[in-house]
PDB file of N, CA and C in Angstrom:
ATOM      1  N   MET A   1     -26.509  46.738-109.052  1.00  0.00           N
ATOM      2  CA  MET A   1     -27.874  46.802-108.615  1.00  0.00           C
ATOM      3  C   MET A   1     -27.866  46.542-107.110  1.00  0.00           C
ATOM      4  N   THR A   2     -28.681  47.307-106.422  1.00  0.00           N
ATOM      5  CA  THR A   2     -28.737  47.216-104.945  1.00  0.00           C
ATOM      6  C   THR A   2     -29.741  46.094-104.558  1.00  0.00           C
ATOM      7  N   ASP A   3     -29.419  45.382-103.463  1.00  0.00           N
ATOM      8  CA  ASP A   3     -30.256  44.310-103.001  1.00  0.00           C
ATOM      9  C   ASP A   3     -31.560  44.935-102.407  1.00  0.00           C
ATOM     10  N   PRO A   4     -32.741  44.542-102.879  1.00  0.00           N
ATOM     11  CA  PRO A   4     -33.987  45.089-102.347  1.00  0.00           C
ATOM     12  C   PRO A   4     -34.145  44.870-100.833  1.00  0.00           C
ATOM     13  N   LEU A   5     -33.698  43.769-100.309  1.00  0.00           N
ATOM     14  CA  LEU A   5     -33.825  43.531 -98.885  1.00  0.00           C
ATOM     15  C   LEU A   5     -32.949  44.502 -98.099  1.00  0.00           C
ATOM     16  N   ARG A   6     -31.796  44.810 -98.618  1.00  0.00           N
ATOM     17  CA  ARG A   6     -30.917  45.762 -97.978  1.00  0.00           C
ATOM     18  C   ARG A   6     -31.572  47.157 -97.974  1.00  0.00           C
ATOM     19  N   LEU A   7     -32.244  47.538 -99.083  1.00  0.00           N
ATOM     20  CA  LEU A   7     -32.911  48.818 -99.103  1.00  0.00           C
ATOM     21  C   LEU A   7     -34.025  48.897 -98.061  1.00  0.00           C
ATOM     22  N   VAL A   8     -34.806  47.781 -97.891  1.00  0.00           N
ATOM     23  CA  VAL A   8     -35.861  47.714 -96.896  1.00  0.00           C
ATOM     24  C   VAL A   8     -35.281  47.868 -95.479  1.00  0.00           C
ATOM     25  N   ALA A   9     -34.195  47.246 -95.225  1.00  0.00           N
ATOM     26  CA  ALA A   9     -33.498  47.391 -93.959  1.00  0.00           C
ATOM     27  C   ALA A   9     -33.067  48.846 -93.708  1.00  0.00           C
ATOM     28  N   ASP A  10     -32.568  49.457 -94.710  1.00  0.00           N
ATOM     29  CA  ASP A  10     -32.169  50.877 -94.598  1.00  0.00           C
ATOM     30  C   ASP A  10     -33.339  51.766 -94.280  1.00  0.00           C
ATOM     31  N   ILE A  11     -34.442  51.501 -94.909  1.00  0.00           N
ATOM     32  CA  ILE A  11     -35.646  52.286 -94.742  1.00  0.00           C
ATOM     33  C   ILE A  11     -36.175  52.073 -93.319  1.00  0.00           C
ATOM     34  N   ASP A  12     -36.150  50.821 -92.871  1.00  0.00           N
ATOM     35  CA  ASP A  12     -36.561  50.528 -91.465  1.00  0.00           C
ATOM     36  C   ASP A  12     -35.751  51.328 -90.469  1.00  0.00           C
ATOM     37  N   ALA A  13     -34.422  51.353 -90.732  1.00  0.00           N
ATOM     38  CA  ALA A  13     -33.487  52.047 -89.806  1.00  0.00           C
ATOM     39  C   ALA A  13     -33.809  53.538 -89.857  1.00  0.00           C
ATOM     40  N   ALA A  14     -34.104  54.082 -91.028  1.00  0.00           N
ATOM     41  CA  ALA A  14     -34.418  55.500 -91.162  1.00  0.00           C
ATOM     42  C   ALA A  14     -35.704  55.836 -90.408  1.00  0.00           C
ATOM     43  N   ILE A  15     -36.666  54.949 -90.430  1.00  0.00           N
ATOM     44  CA  ILE A  15     -37.906  55.161 -89.750  1.00  0.00           C
ATOM     45  C   ILE A  15     -37.679  55.222 -88.219  1.00  0.00           C
ATOM     46  N   LEU A  16     -36.836  54.332 -87.738  1.00  0.00           N
ATOM     47  CA  LEU A  16     -36.581  54.273 -86.247  1.00  0.00           C
ATOM     48  C   LEU A  16     -35.755  55.462 -85.820  1.00  0.00           C
ATOM     49  N   GLU A  17     -34.901  55.981 -86.717  1.00  0.00           N
ATOM     50  CA  GLU A  17     -34.053  57.117 -86.312  1.00  0.00           C
ATOM     51  C   GLU A  17     -34.708  58.487 -86.532  1.00  0.00           C
ATOM     52  N   THR A  18     -35.839  58.512 -87.220  1.00  0.00           N
ATOM     53  CA  THR A  18     -36.544  59.804 -87.484  1.00  0.00           C
ATOM     54  C   THR A  18     -37.305  60.269 -86.261  1.00  0.00           C
ATOM     55  N   ALA A  19     -37.201  61.560 -86.031  1.00  0.00           N
ATOM     56  CA  ALA A  19     -37.895  62.160 -84.858  1.00  0.00           C
ATOM     57  C   ALA A  19     -39.416  62.094 -85.170  1.00  0.00           C
ATOM     58  N   PRO A  20     -40.197  61.903 -84.116  1.00  0.00           N
ATOM     59  CA  PRO A  20     -41.651  61.792 -84.320  1.00  0.00           C
ATOM     60  C   PRO A  20     -42.295  62.955 -85.087  1.00  0.00           C
ATOM     61  N   GLU A  21     -41.792  64.142 -84.857  1.00  0.00           N
ATOM     62  CA  GLU A  21     -42.406  65.259 -85.568  1.00  0.00           C
ATOM     63  C   GLU A  21     -42.051  65.347 -87.051  1.00  0.00           C
ATOM     64  N   ALA A  22     -41.031  64.611 -87.459  1.00  0.00           N
ATOM     65  CA  ALA A  22     -40.626  64.532 -88.886  1.00  0.00           C
ATOM     66  C   ALA A  22     -41.238  63.349 -89.621  1.00  0.00           C
ATOM     67  N   LEU A  23     -41.941  62.502 -88.913  1.00  0.00           N
ATOM     68  CA  LEU A  23     -42.548  61.266 -89.508  1.00  0.00           C
ATOM     69  C   LEU A  23     -43.545  61.622 -90.648  1.00  0.00           C
ATOM     70  N   PRO A  24     -44.415  62.625 -90.552  1.00  0.00           N
ATOM     71  CA  PRO A  24     -45.339  62.934 -91.640  1.00  0.00           C
ATOM     72  C   PRO A  24     -44.560  63.244 -92.948  1.00  0.00           C
ATOM     73  N   ALA A  25     -43.487  63.968 -92.901  1.00  0.00           N
ATOM     74  CA  ALA A  25     -42.673  64.229 -94.087  1.00  0.00           C
ATOM     75  C   ALA A  25     -42.052  62.990 -94.652  1.00  0.00           C
ATOM     76  N   LEU A  26     -41.609  62.120 -93.748  1.00  0.00           N
ATOM     77  CA  LEU A  26     -40.954  60.845 -94.190  1.00  0.00           C
ATOM     78  C   LEU A  26     -42.047  59.977 -94.820  1.00  0.00           C
ATOM     79  N   ILE A  27     -43.227  59.913 -94.237  1.00  0.00           N
ATOM     80  CA  ILE A  27     -44.335  59.145 -94.853  1.00  0.00           C
ATOM     81  C   ILE A  27     -44.646  59.685 -96.212  1.00  0.00           C
ATOM     82  N   ALA A  28     -44.749  60.959 -96.424  1.00  0.00           N
ATOM     83  CA  ALA A  28     -45.011  61.549 -97.740  1.00  0.00           C
ATOM     84  C   ALA A  28     -43.954  61.192 -98.731  1.00  0.00           C
ATOM     85  N   ALA A  29     -42.703  61.271 -98.303  1.00  0.00           N
ATOM     86  CA  ALA A  29     -41.582  60.911 -99.219  1.00  0.00           C
ATOM     87  C   ALA A  29     -41.655  59.466 -99.588  1.00  0.00           C
ATOM     88  N   LEU A  30     -41.908  58.615 -98.585  1.00  0.00           N
ATOM     89  CA  LEU A  30     -41.997  57.154 -98.946  1.00  0.00           C
ATOM     90  C   LEU A  30     -43.136  56.872 -99.835  1.00  0.00           C
ATOM     91  N   SER A  31     -44.311  57.486 -99.605  1.00  0.00           N
ATOM     92  CA  SER A  31     -45.487  57.290-100.480  1.00  0.00           C
ATOM     93  C   SER A  31     -45.144  57.675-101.908  1.00  0.00           C
ATOM     94  N   SER A  32     -44.453  58.784-102.084  1.00  0.00           N
ATOM     95  CA  SER A  32     -44.097  59.243-103.447  1.00  0.00           C
ATOM     96  C   SER A  32     -43.129  58.200-104.069  1.00  0.00           C
ATOM     97  N   THR A  33     -42.202  57.702-103.286  1.00  0.00           N
ATOM     98  CA  THR A  33     -41.238  56.697-103.786  1.00  0.00           C
ATOM     99  C   THR A  33     -41.924  55.407-104.187  1.00  0.00           C
ATOM    100  N   ILE A  34     -42.870  54.994-103.332  1.00  0.00           N
ATOM    101  CA  ILE A  34     -43.656  53.782-103.661  1.00  0.00           C
ATOM    102  C   ILE A  34     -44.421  53.940-104.922  1.00  0.00           C
ATOM    103  N   ALA A  35     -45.029  55.138-105.129  1.00  0.00           N
ATOM    104  CA  ALA A  35     -45.787  55.382-106.349  1.00  0.00           C
ATOM    105  C   ALA A  35     -44.890  55.335-107.561  1.00  0.00           C
ATOM    106  N   LYS A  36     -43.672  55.880-107.491  1.00  0.00           N
ATOM    107  CA  LYS A  36     -42.758  55.851-108.587  1.00  0.00           C
ATOM    108  C   LYS A  36     -42.321  54.412-108.901  1.00  0.00           C
ATOM    109  N   ALA A  37     -42.102  53.646-107.853  1.00  0.00           N
ATOM    110  CA  ALA A  37     -41.717  52.179-108.092  1.00  0.00           C
ATOM    111  C   ALA A  37     -42.885  51.442-108.720  1.00  0.00           C
ATOM    112  N   ALA A  38     -44.111  51.681-108.289  1.00  0.00           N
ATOM    113  CA  ALA A  38     -45.232  51.014-108.853  1.00  0.00           C
ATOM    114  C   ALA A  38     -45.407  51.381-110.356  1.00  0.00           C
ATOM    115  N   ALA A  39     -45.254  52.650-110.615  1.00  0.00           N
ATOM    116  CA  ALA A  39     -45.382  53.143-112.022  1.00  0.00           C
ATOM    117  C   ALA A  39     -44.299  52.490-112.891  1.00  0.00           C
ATOM    118  N   ARG A  40     -43.072  52.429-112.344  1.00  0.00           N
ATOM    119  CA  ARG A  40     -41.983  51.847-113.172  1.00  0.00           C
ATOM    120  C   ARG A  40     -42.260  50.376-113.421  1.00  0.00           C
ATOM    121  N   GLN A  41     -42.838  49.672-112.421  1.00  0.00           N
ATOM    122  CA  GLN A  41     -43.102  48.240-112.591  1.00  0.00           C
ATOM    123  C   GLN A  41     -44.213  48.094-113.671  1.00  0.00           C
ATOM    124  N   MET A  42     -45.228  48.961-113.627  1.00  0.00           N
ATOM    125  CA  MET A  42     -46.313  48.817-114.624  1.00  0.00           C
ATOM    126  C   MET A  42     -45.812  49.116-116.038  1.00  0.00           C
ATOM    127  N   VAL A  43     -44.941  50.081-116.156  1.00  0.00           N
ATOM    128  CA  VAL A  43     -44.377  50.396-117.504  1.00  0.00           C
ATOM    129  C   VAL A  43     -43.553  49.228-118.003  1.00  0.00           C
ATOM    130  N   ALA A  44     -42.735  48.628-117.107  1.00  0.00           N
ATOM    131  CA  ALA A  44     -41.895  47.485-117.470  1.00  0.00           C
ATOM    132  C   ALA A  44     -42.763  46.268-117.901  1.00  0.00           C
ATOM    133  N   ALA A  45     -43.869  46.027-117.163  1.00  0.00           N
ATOM    134  CA  ALA A  45     -44.751  44.913-117.513  1.00  0.00           C
ATOM    135  C   ALA A  45     -45.478  45.195-118.840  1.00  0.00           C
ATOM    136  N   ALA A  46     -45.923  46.400-119.094  1.00  0.00           N
ATOM    137  CA  ALA A  46     -46.549  46.742-120.302  1.00  0.00           C
ATOM    138  C   ALA A  46     -45.560  46.615-121.476  1.00  0.00           C
ATOM    139  N   ASP A  47     -44.354  47.009-121.269  1.00  0.00           N
ATOM    140  CA  ASP A  47     -43.320  46.921-122.318  1.00  0.00           C
ATOM    141  C   ASP A  47     -43.004  45.479-122.651  1.00  0.00           C
ATOM    142  N   ARG A  48     -42.937  44.586-121.634  1.00  0.00           N
ATOM    143  CA  ARG A  48     -42.721  43.177-121.931  1.00  0.00           C
ATOM    144  C   ARG A  48     -43.876  42.595-122.692  1.00  0.00           C
ATOM    145  N   THR A  49     -45.121  42.904-122.346  1.00  0.00           N
ATOM    146  CA  THR A  49     -46.290  42.401-123.039  1.00  0.00           C
ATOM    147  C   THR A  49     -46.306  42.904-124.461  1.00  0.00           C
ATOM    148  N   HIS A  50     -45.979  44.201-124.622  1.00  0.00           N
ATOM    149  CA  HIS A  50     -45.985  44.794-126.012  1.00  0.00           C
ATOM    150  C   HIS A  50     -44.934  44.071-126.858  1.00  0.00           C
ATOM    151  N   LYS A  51     -43.708  43.897-126.340  1.00  0.00           N
ATOM    152  CA  LYS A  51     -42.670  43.260-127.099  1.00  0.00           C
ATOM    153  C   LYS A  51     -43.015  41.824-127.486  1.00  0.00           C
ATOM    154  N   ALA A  52     -43.661  41.156-126.517  1.00  0.00           N
ATOM    155  CA  ALA A  52     -44.085  39.729-126.788  1.00  0.00           C
ATOM    156  C   ALA A  52     -45.139  39.655-127.842  1.00  0.00           C
ATOM    157  N   SER A  53     -46.044  40.590-127.879  1.00  0.00           N
ATOM    158  CA  SER A  53     -47.147  40.500-128.861  1.00  0.00           C
ATOM    159  C   SER A  53     -46.836  41.086-130.184  1.00  0.00           C
ATOM    160  N   VAL A  54     -46.098  42.226-130.238  1.00  0.00           N
ATOM    161  CA  VAL A  54     -45.859  42.875-131.488  1.00  0.00           C
ATOM    162  C   VAL A  54     -44.567  42.453-132.158  1.00  0.00           C
ATOM    163  N   HIS A  55     -43.512  42.260-131.401  1.00  0.00           N
ATOM    164  CA  HIS A  55     -42.233  41.988-132.016  1.00  0.00           C
ATOM    165  C   HIS A  55     -41.906  40.490-132.146  1.00  0.00           C
ATOM    166  N   SER A  56     -42.787  39.614-131.717  1.00  0.00           N
ATOM    167  CA  SER A  56     -42.455  38.237-131.799  1.00  0.00           C
ATOM    168  C   SER A  56     -42.669  37.731-133.312  1.00  0.00           C
ATOM    169  N   VAL A  57     -41.798  36.915-133.681  1.00  0.00           N
ATOM    170  CA  VAL A  57     -41.813  36.404-135.057  1.00  0.00           C
ATOM    171  C   VAL A  57     -42.860  35.241-135.101  1.00  0.00           C
ATOM    172  N   PRO A  58     -43.812  35.274-135.940  1.00  0.00           N
ATOM    173  CA  PRO A  58     -44.822  34.241-135.965  1.00  0.00           C
ATOM    174  C   PRO A  58     -44.178  32.982-136.488  1.00  0.00           C
ATOM    175  N   ASP A  59     -44.607  31.845-135.955  1.00  0.00           N
ATOM    176  CA  ASP A  59     -44.100  30.531-136.380  1.00  0.00           C
ATOM    177  C   ASP A  59     -44.756  30.246-137.755  1.00  0.00           C
ATOM    178  N   GLU A  60     -43.925  29.966-138.747  1.00  0.00           N
ATOM    179  CA  GLU A  60     -44.412  29.634-140.102  1.00  0.00           C
ATOM    180  C   GLU A  60     -45.267  28.418-140.106  1.00  0.00           C
ATOM    181  N   CYS A  61     -45.061  27.446-139.213  1.00  0.00           N
ATOM    182  CA  CYS A  61     -45.827  26.255-139.218  1.00  0.00           C
ATOM    183  C   CYS A  61     -47.235  26.464-138.611  1.00  0.00           C
ATOM    184  N   SER A  62     -47.546  27.617-138.006  1.00  0.00           N
ATOM    185  CA  SER A  62     -48.792  27.744-137.333  1.00  0.00           C
ATOM    186  C   SER A  62     -49.814  28.437-138.285  1.00  0.00           C
ATOM    187  N   ARG A  63     -49.521  28.567-139.535  1.00  0.00           N
ATOM    188  CA  ARG A  63     -50.480  29.202-140.404  1.00  0.00           C
ATOM    189  C   ARG A  63     -51.666  28.290-140.658  1.00  0.00           C
ATOM    190  N   LEU A  64     -52.755  28.870-141.072  1.00  0.00           N
ATOM    191  CA  LEU A  64     -53.975  28.115-141.381  1.00  0.00           C
ATOM    192  C   LEU A  64     -54.021  27.678-142.840  1.00  0.00           C
ATOM    193  N   LEU A  65     -54.362  26.440-143.020  1.00  0.00           N
ATOM    194  CA  LEU A  65     -54.412  25.904-144.373  1.00  0.00           C
ATOM    195  C   LEU A  65     -55.878  25.660-144.780  1.00  0.00           C
ATOM    196  N   THR A  66     -56.140  25.803-146.061  1.00  0.00           N
ATOM    197  CA  THR A  66     -57.418  25.415-146.595  1.00  0.00           C
ATOM    198  C   THR A  66     -57.513  23.870-146.675  1.00  0.00           C
ATOM    199  N   PRO A  67     -58.697  23.335-146.784  1.00  0.00           N
ATOM    200  CA  PRO A  67     -58.789  21.887-146.862  1.00  0.00           C
ATOM    201  C   PRO A  67     -58.019  21.283-148.017  1.00  0.00           C
ATOM    202  N   ALA A  68     -57.925  21.967-149.107  1.00  0.00           N
ATOM    203  CA  ALA A  68     -57.144  21.393-150.229  1.00  0.00           C
ATOM    204  C   ALA A  68     -55.653  21.390-149.910  1.00  0.00           C
ATOM    205  N   GLU A  69     -55.151  22.459-149.278  1.00  0.00           N
ATOM    206  CA  GLU A  69     -53.735  22.456-148.900  1.00  0.00           C
ATOM    207  C   GLU A  69     -53.469  21.401-147.858  1.00  0.00           C
ATOM    208  N   ALA A  70     -54.335  21.264-146.852  1.00  0.00           N
ATOM    209  CA  ALA A  70     -54.164  20.284-145.811  1.00  0.00           C
ATOM    210  C   ALA A  70     -54.201  18.860-146.391  1.00  0.00           C
ATOM    211  N   ALA A  71     -55.142  18.658-147.320  1.00  0.00           N
ATOM    212  CA  ALA A  71     -55.260  17.309-147.914  1.00  0.00           C
ATOM    213  C   ALA A  71     -54.034  16.948-148.706  1.00  0.00           C
ATOM    214  N   GLU A  72     -53.450  17.950-149.359  1.00  0.00           N
ATOM    215  CA  GLU A  72     -52.184  17.696-150.095  1.00  0.00           C
ATOM    216  C   GLU A  72     -51.041  17.281-149.207  1.00  0.00           C
ATOM    217  N   ILE A  73     -50.976  17.969-148.037  1.00  0.00           N
ATOM    218  CA  ILE A  73     -49.933  17.602-147.071  1.00  0.00           C
ATOM    219  C   ILE A  73     -50.182  16.201-146.469  1.00  0.00           C
ATOM    220  N   ALA A  74     -51.472  15.907-146.148  1.00  0.00           N
ATOM    221  CA  ALA A  74     -51.813  14.615-145.533  1.00  0.00           C
ATOM    222  C   ALA A  74     -51.932  13.475-146.557  1.00  0.00           C
ATOM    223  N   ARG A  75     -51.935  13.854-147.841  1.00  0.00           N
ATOM    224  CA  ARG A  75     -52.033  12.856-148.929  1.00  0.00           C
ATOM    225  C   ARG A  75     -53.265  12.044-148.837  1.00  0.00           C
ATOM    226  N   VAL A  76     -54.355  12.776-148.536  1.00  0.00           N
ATOM    227  CA  VAL A  76     -55.707  12.155-148.510  1.00  0.00           C
ATOM    228  C   VAL A  76     -56.654  13.122-149.285  1.00  0.00           C
ATOM    229  N   PRO A  77     -57.807  12.664-149.637  1.00  0.00           N
ATOM    230  CA  PRO A  77     -58.781  13.615-150.289  1.00  0.00           C
ATOM    231  C   PRO A  77     -59.299  14.609-149.264  1.00  0.00           C
ATOM    232  N   ALA A  78     -59.569  15.802-149.715  1.00  0.00           N
ATOM    233  CA  ALA A  78     -60.078  16.871-148.793  1.00  0.00           C
ATOM    234  C   ALA A  78     -61.336  16.450-148.176  1.00  0.00           C
ATOM    235  N   ARG A  79     -62.190  15.809-148.861  1.00  0.00           N
ATOM    236  CA  ARG A  79     -63.479  15.341-148.303  1.00  0.00           C
ATOM    237  C   ARG A  79     -63.226  14.388-147.157  1.00  0.00           C
ATOM    238  N   TRP A  80     -62.330  13.454-147.313  1.00  0.00           N
ATOM    239  CA  TRP A  80     -61.974  12.521-146.243  1.00  0.00           C
ATOM    240  C   TRP A  80     -61.514  13.259-145.000  1.00  0.00           C
ATOM    241  N   LEU A  81     -60.585  14.241-145.225  1.00  0.00           N
ATOM    242  CA  LEU A  81     -60.020  15.034-144.126  1.00  0.00           C
ATOM    243  C   LEU A  81     -61.127  15.820-143.408  1.00  0.00           C
ATOM    244  N   ASN A  82     -62.015  16.389-144.127  1.00  0.00           N
ATOM    245  CA  ASN A  82     -63.106  17.195-143.540  1.00  0.00           C
ATOM    246  C   ASN A  82     -64.019  16.260-142.671  1.00  0.00           C
ATOM    247  N   ARG A  83     -64.282  15.082-143.152  1.00  0.00           N
ATOM    248  CA  ARG A  83     -65.177  14.173-142.416  1.00  0.00           C
ATOM    249  C   ARG A  83     -64.513  13.528-141.209  1.00  0.00           C
ATOM    250  N   ARG A  84     -63.265  13.241-141.303  1.00  0.00           N
ATOM    251  CA  ARG A  84     -62.543  12.436-140.219  1.00  0.00           C
ATOM    252  C   ARG A  84     -61.876  13.264-139.158  1.00  0.00           C
ATOM    253  N   THR A  85     -61.823  14.576-139.295  1.00  0.00           N
ATOM    254  CA  THR A  85     -61.102  15.386-138.312  1.00  0.00           C
ATOM    255  C   THR A  85     -62.012  16.240-137.432  1.00  0.00           C
ATOM    256  N   LYS A  86     -63.299  15.996-137.445  1.00  0.00           N
ATOM    257  CA  LYS A  86     -64.193  16.783-136.556  1.00  0.00           C
ATOM    258  C   LYS A  86     -63.805  16.649-135.119  1.00  0.00           C
ATOM    259  N   GLY A  87     -63.672  17.739-134.440  1.00  0.00           N
ATOM    260  CA  GLY A  87     -63.254  17.744-133.027  1.00  0.00           C
ATOM    261  C   GLY A  87     -61.757  17.719-132.763  1.00  0.00           C
ATOM    262  N   PHE A  88     -60.913  17.617-133.792  1.00  0.00           N
ATOM    263  CA  PHE A  88     -59.520  17.557-133.637  1.00  0.00           C
ATOM    264  C   PHE A  88     -59.035  18.990-133.267  1.00  0.00           C
ATOM    265  N   ARG A  89     -57.968  19.103-132.432  1.00  0.00           N
ATOM    266  CA  ARG A  89     -57.477  20.400-131.973  1.00  0.00           C
ATOM    267  C   ARG A  89     -56.919  21.277-133.036  1.00  0.00           C
ATOM    268  N   PHE A  90     -56.405  20.721-134.123  1.00  0.00           N
ATOM    269  CA  PHE A  90     -55.810  21.527-135.174  1.00  0.00           C
ATOM    270  C   PHE A  90     -56.782  21.988-136.171  1.00  0.00           C
ATOM    271  N   ARG A  91     -58.011  21.568-136.083  1.00  0.00           N
ATOM    272  CA  ARG A  91     -59.060  21.919-137.070  1.00  0.00           C
ATOM    273  C   ARG A  91     -59.786  23.148-136.517  1.00  0.00           C
ATOM    274  N   ARG A  92     -60.006  24.148-137.400  1.00  0.00           N
ATOM    275  CA  ARG A  92     -60.689  25.330-137.024  1.00  0.00           C
ATOM    276  C   ARG A  92     -61.947  25.490-137.997  1.00  0.00           C
ATOM    277  N   ASP A  93     -63.112  25.371-137.375  1.00  0.00           N
ATOM    278  CA  ASP A  93     -64.363  25.576-138.147  1.00  0.00           C
ATOM    279  C   ASP A  93     -64.759  27.056-138.070  1.00  0.00           C
ATOM    280  N   LEU A  94     -64.444  27.804-139.088  1.00  0.00           N
ATOM    281  CA  LEU A  94     -64.734  29.192-139.101  1.00  0.00           C
ATOM    282  C   LEU A  94     -66.236  29.437-139.263  1.00  0.00           C
ATOM    283  N   SER A  95     -66.888  28.556-140.053  1.00  0.00           N
ATOM    284  CA  SER A  95     -68.328  28.519-140.170  1.00  0.00           C
ATOM    285  C   SER A  95     -68.686  27.107-140.633  1.00  0.00           C
ATOM    286  N   ARG A  96     -69.956  26.859-140.956  1.00  0.00           N
ATOM    287  CA  ARG A  96     -70.367  25.511-141.339  1.00  0.00           C
ATOM    288  C   ARG A  96     -69.614  25.014-142.561  1.00  0.00           C
ATOM    289  N   LYS A  97     -69.314  25.926-143.463  1.00  0.00           N
ATOM    290  CA  LYS A  97     -68.689  25.540-144.735  1.00  0.00           C
ATOM    291  C   LYS A  97     -67.233  26.049-144.876  1.00  0.00           C
ATOM    292  N   GLN A  98     -66.724  26.664-143.848  1.00  0.00           N
ATOM    293  CA  GLN A  98     -65.372  27.219-143.924  1.00  0.00           C
ATOM    294  C   GLN A  98     -64.515  26.476-142.850  1.00  0.00           C
ATOM    295  N   ILE A  99     -63.696  25.630-143.315  1.00  0.00           N
ATOM    296  CA  ILE A  99     -62.833  24.824-142.389  1.00  0.00           C
ATOM    297  C   ILE A  99     -61.393  25.169-142.714  1.00  0.00           C
ATOM    298  N   ARG A 100     -60.608  25.344-141.680  1.00  0.00           N
ATOM    299  CA  ARG A 100     -59.180  25.590-141.824  1.00  0.00           C
ATOM    300  C   ARG A 100     -58.405  24.628-140.874  1.00  0.00           C
ATOM    301  N   TYR A 101     -57.181  24.400-141.219  1.00  0.00           N
ATOM    302  CA  TYR A 101     -56.328  23.479-140.426  1.00  0.00           C
ATOM    303  C   TYR A 101     -55.062  24.175-140.041  1.00  0.00           C
ATOM    304  N   GLU A 102     -54.676  24.098-138.779  1.00  0.00           N
ATOM    305  CA  GLU A 102     -53.380  24.629-138.355  1.00  0.00           C
ATOM    306  C   GLU A 102     -52.318  23.676-138.883  1.00  0.00           C
ATOM    307  N   GLU A 103     -51.354  24.235-139.619  1.00  0.00           N
ATOM    308  CA  GLU A 103     -50.351  23.435-140.269  1.00  0.00           C
ATOM    309  C   GLU A 103     -49.512  22.635-139.261  1.00  0.00           C
ATOM    310  N   LYS A 104     -49.068  23.291-138.211  1.00  0.00           N
ATOM    311  CA  LYS A 104     -48.210  22.631-137.218  1.00  0.00           C
ATOM    312  C   LYS A 104     -48.982  21.447-136.570  1.00  0.00           C
ATOM    313  N   GLY A 105     -50.206  21.656-136.193  1.00  0.00           N
ATOM    314  CA  GLY A 105     -51.003  20.592-135.573  1.00  0.00           C
ATOM    315  C   GLY A 105     -51.233  19.476-136.565  1.00  0.00           C
ATOM    316  N   LEU A 106     -51.555  19.762-137.808  1.00  0.00           N
ATOM    317  CA  LEU A 106     -51.792  18.767-138.846  1.00  0.00           C
ATOM    318  C   LEU A 106     -50.517  17.900-139.016  1.00  0.00           C
ATOM    319  N   ARG A 107     -49.423  18.580-139.178  1.00  0.00           N
ATOM    320  CA  ARG A 107     -48.141  17.849-139.298  1.00  0.00           C
ATOM    321  C   ARG A 107     -47.825  16.923-138.135  1.00  0.00           C
ATOM    322  N   ASN A 108     -48.112  17.421-136.868  1.00  0.00           N
ATOM    323  CA  ASN A 108     -47.879  16.613-135.738  1.00  0.00           C
ATOM    324  C   ASN A 108     -48.837  15.374-135.749  1.00  0.00           C
ATOM    325  N   TRP A 109     -50.085  15.589-136.128  1.00  0.00           N
ATOM    326  CA  TRP A 109     -51.055  14.480-136.219  1.00  0.00           C
ATOM    327  C   TRP A 109     -50.621  13.457-137.262  1.00  0.00           C
ATOM    328  N   ILE A 110     -50.193  13.942-138.388  1.00  0.00           N
ATOM    329  CA  ILE A 110     -49.725  13.020-139.489  1.00  0.00           C
ATOM    330  C   ILE A 110     -48.527  12.167-138.964  1.00  0.00           C
ATOM    331  N   SER A 111     -47.634  12.790-138.209  1.00  0.00           N
ATOM    332  CA  SER A 111     -46.492  12.058-137.738  1.00  0.00           C
ATOM    333  C   SER A 111     -46.812  11.005-136.715  1.00  0.00           C
ATOM    334  N   THR A 112     -47.992  11.112-136.036  1.00  0.00           N
ATOM    335  CA  THR A 112     -48.336  10.121-135.107  1.00  0.00           C
ATOM    336  C   THR A 112     -49.133   8.963-135.648  1.00  0.00           C
ATOM    337  N   GLN A 113     -49.567   9.131-136.919  1.00  0.00           N
ATOM    338  CA  GLN A 113     -50.375   8.099-137.546  1.00  0.00           C
ATOM    339  C   GLN A 113     -49.424   6.929-138.008  1.00  0.00           C
ATOM    340  N   SER A 114     -49.781   5.749-137.656  1.00  0.00           N
ATOM    341  CA  SER A 114     -48.941   4.592-138.107  1.00  0.00           C
ATOM    342  C   SER A 114     -49.231   4.350-139.566  1.00  0.00           C
ATOM    343  N   PRO A 115     -48.185   4.036-140.322  1.00  0.00           N
ATOM    344  CA  PRO A 115     -48.397   3.769-141.725  1.00  0.00           C
ATOM    345  C   PRO A 115     -49.175   2.469-141.970  1.00  0.00           C
ATOM    346  N   LYS A 116     -50.047   2.500-142.909  1.00  0.00           N
ATOM    347  CA  LYS A 116     -50.862   1.356-143.236  1.00  0.00           C
ATOM    348  C   LYS A 116     -49.990   0.281-143.943  1.00  0.00           C
ATOM    349  N   THR A 117     -50.054  -0.892-143.474  1.00  0.00           N
ATOM    350  CA  THR A 117     -49.288  -1.978-144.109  1.00  0.00           C
ATOM    351  C   THR A 117     -50.188  -2.753-145.050  1.00  0.00           C
ATOM    352  N   ALA A 118     -49.711  -3.085-146.244  1.00  0.00           N
ATOM    353  CA  ALA A 118     -50.543  -3.761-147.189  1.00  0.00           C
ATOM    354  C   ALA A 118     -50.427  -5.277-147.135  1.00  0.00           C
TER     355      ALA A 118
END
């Protein structure tokens, strides 16, 4: 692969060596080359975005759980979980009566809770 700074230096040298009457043709050629480079960059960026969104493997732990599933993991009643987790980042209120929990966030929260000593 050629060093981009070396290419710019070569272009600068070509501009200085070109006769004044040939500059319009050089400008047209450079404009065309710049457009090709910009198009290639846009295609590469779109390809990276497409691969990241379509071909990425979803994390199994990021699935949404029902209150019953989340309560089973947390080992607490679903009603307790629904009342005590309002405003938590892993809780998703889809509507007033539809609550879901991100599994990964729930498990992280559970791991930070200190065990109750009897």
